[in-house]
């Protein structure tokens, strides 16, 4: 029985990280969705920026937004700044003469409540949701609106890009988002991706359906609801949003644990689309099973220890395999602990830091599980600061 549990744990880890992307790539190559005819247009767009206490970044964000390569007459900028008390509101008000619209109330009720209120001011045919601590490539709006020429497309996600210069943590985060980008591209080629980057996510305004105010992961909820209603959500890697990684691994773990708590909330809500088995498989494989990898890793370690202790009762070749797998797990966790002390960002250190990144990501999944099911994770969360960067340094982690 221990052998079976061990194999199930190993299979789940391998399936989520390797097998699903490989199967997806094969299916996308064999059964690609027929591409729509190329067309262009400039629909009216509302850029809706969520900003709570972002005085340090909001001016840079607004300057970046106003400089985007999109007809000014077709672009409306709205800032949802509910609950801000650090000067964010005063800074946004300075941009009123340049057409920036402020949505604000003193009470803080969470990001989704702020967005729902701000949507009443949105006038664009397409609404692009953004955060205050990221900046856009100049052509991002052109890239985001292009897929909407296909009437079956309800939402479009751009690419989250981590800039260079933040050491091993930034490099690992950048590598992770390249991995995610690959998966989303293949899902889109097959028909629809199953998630969106909340800082660069566009939807048709008339399709906006306000998520419940207690939703933690609003971007994933909106994407899955569009799919559930029969619309496609596509990923456009050329629509790039730039940001820097969290200041520390602890900050990044806190951010991820909140995301995972929201993932469990989505799983409990059961947003799988009926009558769409392919999409259900994608959602389960990409979104539902990913948080469970942490439990599989823990299970694989514990059962492997037991199997090695019982190795005298097994054939020599099988006992050797169990000992080797335990050695590899011990090596992984040793490298993960070693990575905490790596500061420089040369190639070797970037490689050595990957186990640390995976370890903390899955530890965050366990914390997120506890946070959601204990009721400790609320929709109003402690803001995690991000490093600021100069516009001329928008260089991605390639």
Protein backbone atom coordinates (compact mmCIF):
# COMPACT_ATOMS: atom_id res chain seq x y z
CA UNK A 1 0.00 0.00 0.00
CA UNK A 2 2.88 2.38 0.84
CA UNK A 3 4.35 1.63 -2.59
CA UNK A 4 1.10 2.69 -4.27
CA UNK A 5 0.86 5.95 -2.32
CA UNK A 6 4.49 6.73 -3.17
CA UNK A 7 3.91 6.11 -6.89
CA UNK A 8 0.72 8.21 -6.89
CA UNK A 9 2.59 11.12 -5.30
CA UNK A 10 5.46 10.89 -7.80
CA UNK A 11 3.02 10.60 -10.70
CA UNK A 12 1.03 13.68 -9.59
CA UNK A 13 4.20 15.79 -9.39
CA UNK A 14 5.41 14.59 -12.78
CA UNK A 15 1.98 14.97 -14.39
CA UNK A 16 1.45 18.56 -13.26
CA UNK A 17 4.93 19.88 -14.05
CA UNK A 18 5.87 17.78 -17.10
CA UNK A 19 3.20 15.47 -18.52
CA UNK A 20 0.40 18.03 -18.81
CA UNK A 21 2.53 20.59 -20.74
CA UNK A 22 3.82 17.82 -23.03
CA UNK A 23 0.34 16.40 -23.70
CA UNK A 24 -0.94 19.93 -24.28
CA UNK A 25 1.81 20.65 -26.81
CA UNK A 26 1.05 17.43 -28.69
CA UNK A 27 -2.69 18.11 -28.82
CA UNK A 28 -2.14 21.72 -29.88
CA UNK A 29 0.04 20.52 -32.74
CA UNK A 30 -2.30 17.73 -33.88
CA UNK A 31 -5.63 19.51 -33.30
CA UNK A 32 -4.94 23.26 -33.51
CA UNK A 33 -7.91 25.59 -33.53
CA UNK A 34 -8.41 27.18 -36.92
CA UNK A 35 -7.15 30.76 -36.81
CA UNK A 36 -9.57 33.58 -37.55
CA UNK A 37 -8.92 35.81 -40.53
CA UNK A 38 -6.52 38.65 -39.71
CA UNK A 39 -8.29 41.92 -39.08
CA UNK A 40 -7.65 45.08 -37.15
CA UNK A 41 -9.56 47.83 -35.44
CA UNK A 42 -9.42 50.34 -32.64
CA UNK A 43 -12.41 49.78 -30.37
CA UNK A 44 -12.84 52.14 -27.45
CA UNK A 45 -10.86 50.95 -24.44
CA UNK A 46 -11.10 51.64 -20.73
CA UNK A 47 -7.89 50.98 -18.81
CA UNK A 48 -9.02 50.30 -15.22
CA UNK A 49 -6.16 50.54 -12.71
CA UNK A 50 -6.63 49.11 -9.20
CA UNK A 51 -4.54 51.16 -6.76
CA UNK A 52 -4.61 50.91 -2.98
CA UNK A 53 -1.95 53.07 -1.27
CA UNK A 54 0.23 53.22 -4.39
CA UNK A 55 1.62 56.75 -3.95
CA UNK A 56 5.12 55.46 -4.72
CA UNK A 57 4.15 54.02 -8.11
CA UNK A 58 0.92 55.62 -9.35
CA UNK A 59 2.54 58.59 -11.10
CA UNK A 60 4.86 56.32 -13.08
CA UNK A 61 1.89 54.10 -13.91
CA UNK A 62 -0.24 57.00 -15.16
CA UNK A 63 2.59 58.46 -17.24
CA UNK A 64 3.12 55.05 -18.79
CA UNK A 65 -0.61 54.64 -19.44
CA UNK A 66 -0.93 58.04 -21.09
CA UNK A 67 2.03 57.29 -23.38
CA UNK A 68 0.63 54.00 -24.75
CA UNK A 69 0.45 53.67 -28.52
CA UNK A 70 -3.33 53.87 -28.86
CA UNK A 71 -5.57 56.69 -30.19
CA UNK A 72 -6.16 59.01 -27.18
CA UNK A 73 -9.74 59.62 -28.27
CA UNK A 74 -10.38 55.86 -28.00
CA UNK A 75 -8.79 55.44 -24.56
CA UNK A 76 -10.27 56.13 -21.14
CA UNK A 77 -8.19 55.71 -17.96
CA UNK A 78 -9.97 55.00 -14.66
CA UNK A 79 -8.22 54.56 -11.30
CA UNK A 80 -10.01 52.62 -8.53
CA UNK A 81 -8.37 53.86 -5.33
CA UNK A 82 -10.85 52.93 -2.60
CA UNK A 83 -9.43 53.11 0.92
CA UNK A 84 -6.17 54.81 -0.08
CA UNK A 85 -4.86 57.19 2.56
CA UNK A 86 -1.21 57.70 1.57
CA UNK A 87 -1.57 60.45 -1.05
CA UNK A 88 -2.54 58.22 -3.97
CA UNK A 89 -5.84 60.04 -4.46
CA UNK A 90 -4.20 63.48 -4.55
CA UNK A 91 -1.73 62.31 -7.19
CA UNK A 92 -4.49 60.86 -9.38
CA UNK A 93 -6.53 64.07 -9.08
CA UNK A 94 -3.61 65.97 -10.61
CA UNK A 95 -4.22 64.01 -13.83
CA UNK A 96 -7.89 64.96 -14.14
CA UNK A 97 -7.08 67.60 -16.76
CA UNK A 98 -5.41 64.89 -18.84
CA UNK A 99 -8.58 62.78 -18.79
CA UNK A 100 -7.86 60.39 -15.93
CA UNK A 101 -11.02 59.46 -14.00
CA UNK A 102 -10.86 58.73 -10.27
CA UNK A 103 -13.15 56.24 -8.51
CA UNK A 104 -12.75 56.60 -4.74
CA UNK A 105 -14.44 56.08 -1.41
CA UNK A 106 -12.67 56.33 1.98
CA UNK A 107 -13.78 52.90 3.14
CA UNK A 108 -11.67 49.91 2.06
CA UNK A 109 -13.76 46.87 1.15
CA UNK A 110 -11.35 44.91 -1.03
CA UNK A 111 -10.10 45.05 -4.59
CA UNK A 112 -13.16 43.51 -6.21
CA UNK A 113 -15.57 45.91 -4.54
CA UNK A 114 -13.42 48.81 -5.75
CA UNK A 115 -13.40 47.43 -9.30
CA UNK A 116 -17.15 46.83 -9.30
CA UNK A 117 -17.72 50.47 -8.32
CA UNK A 118 -15.27 51.75 -10.93
CA UNK A 119 -16.90 49.69 -13.70
CA UNK A 120 -19.92 52.03 -13.50
CA UNK A 121 -17.62 54.73 -14.92
CA UNK A 122 -16.16 52.59 -17.71
CA UNK A 123 -17.19 53.62 -21.21
CA UNK A 124 -14.93 51.50 -23.44
CA UNK A 125 -16.12 48.55 -25.47
CA UNK A 126 -13.11 46.71 -24.06
CA UNK A 127 -12.02 47.00 -20.43
CA UNK A 128 -8.38 46.29 -19.57
CA UNK A 129 -7.71 45.51 -15.91
CA UNK A 130 -4.33 46.56 -14.54
CA UNK A 131 -2.44 47.12 -11.30
CA UNK A 132 -0.48 50.19 -10.25
CA UNK A 133 2.90 48.52 -9.81
CA UNK A 134 3.36 47.30 -13.38
CA UNK A 135 4.05 49.14 -16.63
CA UNK A 136 3.06 48.26 -20.17
CA UNK A 137 4.90 47.90 -23.43
CA UNK A 138 3.76 50.73 -25.70
CA UNK A 139 1.87 48.40 -28.07
CA UNK A 140 0.06 46.43 -25.37
CA UNK A 141 -3.45 47.77 -26.06
CA UNK A 142 -3.14 47.15 -29.80
CA UNK A 143 -2.13 43.56 -29.07
CA UNK A 144 -4.89 43.03 -26.51
CA UNK A 145 -7.77 44.28 -28.67
CA UNK A 146 -6.78 42.42 -31.86
CA UNK A 147 -8.22 38.98 -30.84
CA UNK A 148 -11.59 40.58 -30.08
CA UNK A 149 -12.21 40.77 -33.82
CA UNK A 150 -13.25 37.13 -33.31
CA UNK A 151 -16.72 37.23 -31.77
CA UNK A 152 -16.08 34.00 -29.84
CA UNK A 153 -13.35 35.68 -27.79
CA UNK A 154 -14.58 37.06 -24.48
CA UNK A 155 -11.27 37.75 -22.75
CA UNK A 156 -7.63 38.30 -23.62
CA UNK A 157 -4.66 37.92 -21.29
CA UNK A 158 -1.30 39.53 -21.85
CA UNK A 159 2.07 38.31 -20.59
CA UNK A 160 3.47 39.01 -17.14
CA UNK A 161 7.18 39.75 -17.60
CA UNK A 162 9.71 39.98 -14.78
CA UNK A 163 12.51 42.49 -15.42
CA UNK A 164 16.18 41.76 -14.89
CA UNK A 165 18.26 42.85 -11.96
CA UNK A 166 16.68 41.23 -8.89
CA UNK A 167 19.08 38.35 -8.38
CA UNK A 168 18.20 34.64 -8.19
CA UNK A 169 14.66 35.26 -6.93
CA UNK A 170 13.87 37.48 -9.91
CA UNK A 171 15.50 35.00 -12.30
CA UNK A 172 13.50 32.08 -10.90
CA UNK A 173 10.27 34.09 -11.01
CA UNK A 174 11.06 35.09 -14.60
CA UNK A 175 11.71 31.45 -15.52
CA UNK A 176 8.41 30.43 -13.92
CA UNK A 177 6.46 32.95 -16.00
CA UNK A 178 8.15 31.73 -19.18
CA UNK A 179 7.00 28.23 -18.26
CA UNK A 180 3.46 29.55 -17.67
CA UNK A 181 3.63 31.45 -20.97
CA UNK A 182 4.42 28.23 -22.84
CA UNK A 183 1.43 26.46 -21.29
CA UNK A 184 -0.94 29.36 -22.02
CA UNK A 185 0.22 29.57 -25.63
CA UNK A 186 -0.46 25.87 -26.17
CA UNK A 187 -3.85 26.09 -24.45
CA UNK A 188 -4.75 29.03 -26.70
CA UNK A 189 -3.67 27.12 -29.81
CA UNK A 190 -5.98 24.33 -28.70
CA UNK A 191 -8.88 26.74 -28.18
CA UNK A 192 -8.71 28.68 -24.93
CA UNK A 193 -6.34 29.23 -22.03
CA UNK A 194 -7.75 28.71 -18.54
CA UNK A 195 -6.49 31.75 -16.68
CA UNK A 196 -5.35 35.33 -17.02
CA UNK A 197 -2.71 37.67 -15.64
CA UNK A 198 -4.80 40.10 -13.61
CA UNK A 199 -2.46 43.01 -14.32
CA UNK A 200 -2.99 42.77 -18.09
CA UNK A 201 -6.40 41.23 -18.68
CA UNK A 202 -8.99 42.54 -21.17
CA UNK A 203 -12.67 41.63 -21.49
CA UNK A 204 -15.65 42.86 -23.47
CA UNK A 205 -17.42 45.36 -21.22
CA UNK A 206 -20.87 43.97 -21.93
CA UNK A 207 -19.66 40.54 -20.78
CA UNK A 208 -18.37 41.80 -17.44
CA UNK A 209 -20.04 39.91 -14.64
CA UNK A 210 -19.18 41.26 -11.21
CA UNK A 211 -17.60 38.45 -9.14
CA UNK A 212 -18.86 38.07 -5.58
CA UNK A 213 -17.24 40.63 -3.27
CA UNK A 214 -15.51 37.87 -1.30
CA UNK A 215 -13.65 36.44 -4.31
CA UNK A 216 -9.88 36.38 -3.70
CA UNK A 217 -8.61 35.63 -7.23
CA UNK A 218 -10.83 37.92 -9.30
CA UNK A 219 -8.86 37.43 -12.54
CA UNK A 220 -9.14 33.63 -12.47
CA UNK A 221 -12.81 33.81 -11.49
CA UNK A 222 -13.65 36.14 -14.40
CA UNK A 223 -11.69 34.02 -16.88
CA UNK A 224 -13.40 30.79 -15.80
CA UNK A 225 -16.84 32.40 -15.86
CA UNK A 226 -16.26 33.53 -19.45
CA UNK A 227 -15.31 29.97 -20.39
CA UNK A 228 -18.29 28.60 -18.50
CA UNK A 229 -20.53 30.92 -20.53
CA UNK A 230 -19.09 29.60 -23.80
CA UNK A 231 -16.50 32.26 -24.63
CA UNK A 232 -12.81 31.82 -25.33
CA UNK A 233 -10.01 33.38 -23.30
CA UNK A 234 -6.85 33.76 -25.36
CA UNK A 235 -3.26 34.51 -24.42
CA UNK A 236 -1.21 37.08 -26.33
CA UNK A 237 2.51 36.93 -25.39
CA UNK A 238 3.26 40.16 -27.30
CA UNK A 239 1.00 42.13 -24.92
CA UNK A 240 3.68 42.53 -22.29
CA UNK A 241 3.33 43.87 -18.77
CA UNK A 242 6.55 44.51 -16.86
CA UNK A 243 7.10 44.33 -13.13
CA UNK A 244 9.75 43.50 -10.58
CA UNK A 245 9.69 40.60 -8.17
CA UNK A 246 8.83 40.93 -4.47
CA UNK A 247 11.63 42.31 -2.26
CA UNK A 248 12.23 38.96 -0.54
CA UNK A 249 11.40 35.26 -0.77
CA UNK A 250 9.20 35.68 2.31
CA UNK A 251 7.19 38.45 0.61
CA UNK A 252 6.84 36.32 -2.50
CA UNK A 253 5.65 33.36 -0.42
CA UNK A 254 3.05 35.56 1.28
CA UNK A 255 1.79 36.72 -2.12
CA UNK A 256 1.62 33.17 -3.46
CA UNK A 257 -0.13 31.80 -0.37
CA UNK A 258 -2.92 34.31 -0.94
CA UNK A 259 -3.19 33.24 -4.59
CA UNK A 260 -3.40 29.58 -3.57
CA UNK A 261 -6.06 30.34 -0.97
CA UNK A 262 -8.03 31.91 -3.81
CA UNK A 263 -7.41 28.84 -5.94
CA UNK A 264 -9.01 26.62 -3.29
CA UNK A 265 -11.94 29.02 -3.16
CA UNK A 266 -12.37 28.60 -6.93
CA UNK A 267 -12.14 24.81 -6.63
CA UNK A 268 -14.85 24.74 -3.97
CA UNK A 269 -17.01 27.03 -6.14
CA UNK A 270 -16.89 24.42 -8.93
CA UNK A 271 -16.53 26.61 -12.01
CA UNK A 272 -15.94 23.74 -14.42
CA UNK A 273 -17.84 24.27 -17.70
CA UNK A 274 -20.53 21.69 -18.40
CA UNK A 275 -20.40 19.96 -21.75
CA UNK A 276 -16.76 20.98 -22.36
CA UNK A 277 -14.63 17.96 -21.36
CA UNK A 278 -11.45 19.30 -22.97
CA UNK A 279 -11.70 22.59 -21.10
CA UNK A 280 -12.50 20.79 -17.86
CA UNK A 281 -9.37 18.66 -18.31
CA UNK A 282 -7.28 21.79 -18.87
CA UNK A 283 -8.70 23.57 -15.82
CA UNK A 284 -8.22 20.56 -13.55
CA UNK A 285 -4.69 19.89 -14.83
CA UNK A 286 -3.48 23.49 -14.83
CA UNK A 287 -5.36 25.11 -11.97
CA UNK A 288 -6.83 22.50 -9.64
CA UNK A 289 -3.98 19.99 -9.38
CA UNK A 290 -1.14 22.54 -9.09
CA UNK A 291 -1.83 23.39 -5.39
CA UNK A 292 -1.97 19.66 -4.58
CA UNK A 293 1.66 19.17 -5.64
CA UNK A 294 2.74 20.38 -2.20
CA UNK A 295 0.86 17.49 -0.57
CA UNK A 296 2.29 15.07 -3.15
CA UNK A 297 5.83 16.26 -2.34
CA UNK A 298 5.24 15.74 1.37
CA UNK A 299 3.67 12.36 0.73
CA UNK A 300 6.51 11.27 -1.55
CA UNK A 301 9.11 12.14 1.10
CA UNK A 302 7.36 10.43 3.99
CA UNK A 303 6.48 7.26 2.09
CA UNK A 304 9.98 7.08 0.62
CA UNK A 305 11.50 7.12 4.11
CA UNK A 306 9.21 4.26 5.13
CA UNK A 307 10.05 2.30 1.97
CA UNK A 308 13.78 2.64 2.59
CA UNK A 309 13.36 1.49 6.18
CA UNK A 310 11.49 -1.55 4.85
CA UNK A 311 13.92 -2.15 1.97
CA UNK A 312 15.20 -5.41 3.50
CA UNK A 313 11.89 -7.03 2.61
CA UNK A 314 12.11 -6.07 -1.07
CA UNK A 315 14.17 -7.19 -4.07
CA UNK A 316 17.62 -5.58 -4.23
CA UNK A 317 16.90 -3.67 -7.44
CA UNK A 318 13.71 -2.18 -5.99
CA UNK A 319 15.40 -1.28 -2.71
CA UNK A 320 18.12 0.47 -4.71
CA UNK A 321 15.52 2.54 -6.59
CA UNK A 322 13.89 3.63 -3.34
CA UNK A 323 17.25 4.60 -1.84
CA UNK A 324 18.18 6.55 -4.97
CA UNK A 325 14.85 8.41 -4.99
CA UNK A 326 15.28 9.31 -1.31
CA UNK A 327 18.80 10.56 -2.02
CA UNK A 328 17.49 12.74 -4.86
CA UNK A 329 14.77 14.17 -2.63
CA UNK A 330 17.32 14.88 0.11
CA UNK A 331 19.53 16.58 -2.47
CA UNK A 332 16.62 18.71 -3.68
CA UNK A 333 15.73 19.92 -0.19
CA UNK A 334 19.38 20.53 0.66
CA UNK A 335 19.75 22.72 -2.43
CA UNK A 336 16.50 24.47 -1.50
CA UNK A 337 17.95 25.38 1.91
CA UNK A 338 21.28 26.35 0.36
CA UNK A 339 19.51 28.66 -2.07
CA UNK A 340 18.37 30.91 0.76
CA UNK A 341 21.97 32.08 1.11
CA UNK A 342 22.54 32.82 -2.58
CA UNK A 343 22.66 36.52 -3.39
CA UNK A 344 24.48 36.92 -6.69
CA UNK A 345 22.76 36.23 -9.98
CA UNK A 346 25.33 34.39 -12.09
CA UNK A 347 24.19 31.42 -14.17
CA UNK A 348 25.22 28.75 -11.64
CA UNK A 349 23.42 30.51 -8.80
CA UNK A 350 20.30 30.94 -10.92
CA UNK A 351 20.24 27.18 -11.49
CA UNK A 352 20.92 26.42 -7.83
CA UNK A 353 18.08 28.73 -6.77
CA UNK A 354 15.40 26.83 -8.73
CA UNK A 355 14.91 24.20 -5.95
CA UNK A 356 14.54 27.07 -3.45
CA UNK A 357 11.90 28.71 -5.63
CA UNK A 358 9.96 25.43 -6.00
CA UNK A 359 10.24 24.69 -2.29
CA UNK A 360 8.89 28.08 -1.24
CA UNK A 361 6.17 27.98 -3.91
CA UNK A 362 4.86 24.69 -2.56
CA UNK A 363 5.27 25.78 1.04
CA UNK A 364 3.10 28.76 0.08
CA UNK A 365 0.53 26.26 -1.25
CA UNK A 366 0.34 24.60 2.16
CA UNK A 367 0.00 27.98 3.87
CA UNK A 368 -2.68 28.97 1.35
CA UNK A 369 -4.59 25.75 2.07
CA UNK A 370 -4.54 26.53 5.78
CA UNK A 371 -5.39 30.18 5.18
CA UNK A 372 -8.50 29.39 3.15
CA UNK A 373 -9.95 26.46 5.11
CA UNK A 374 -9.25 28.14 8.46
CA UNK A 375 -10.98 31.30 7.26
CA UNK A 376 -7.87 33.41 7.96
CA UNK A 377 -7.43 34.55 4.35
CA UNK A 378 -9.83 37.40 3.68
CA UNK A 379 -10.52 39.41 0.54
CA UNK A 380 -8.74 42.40 2.13
CA UNK A 381 -5.07 41.51 2.25
CA UNK A 382 -1.83 43.10 3.38
CA UNK A 383 -0.23 44.80 0.40
CA UNK A 384 3.14 43.33 -0.64
CA UNK A 385 5.54 46.02 -1.82
CA UNK A 386 7.28 45.67 -5.16
CA UNK A 387 10.56 47.25 -6.17
CA UNK A 388 10.29 50.33 -8.38
CA UNK A 389 12.22 50.54 -11.62
CA UNK A 390 13.03 53.13 -14.23
CA UNK A 391 11.17 53.05 -17.57
CA UNK A 392 14.41 52.72 -19.54
CA UNK A 393 15.13 49.46 -17.71
CA UNK A 394 12.21 47.42 -19.03
CA UNK A 395 14.41 44.48 -19.85
CA UNK A 396 12.86 41.09 -19.35
CA UNK A 397 14.48 38.00 -17.88
CA UNK A 398 15.20 36.26 -21.19
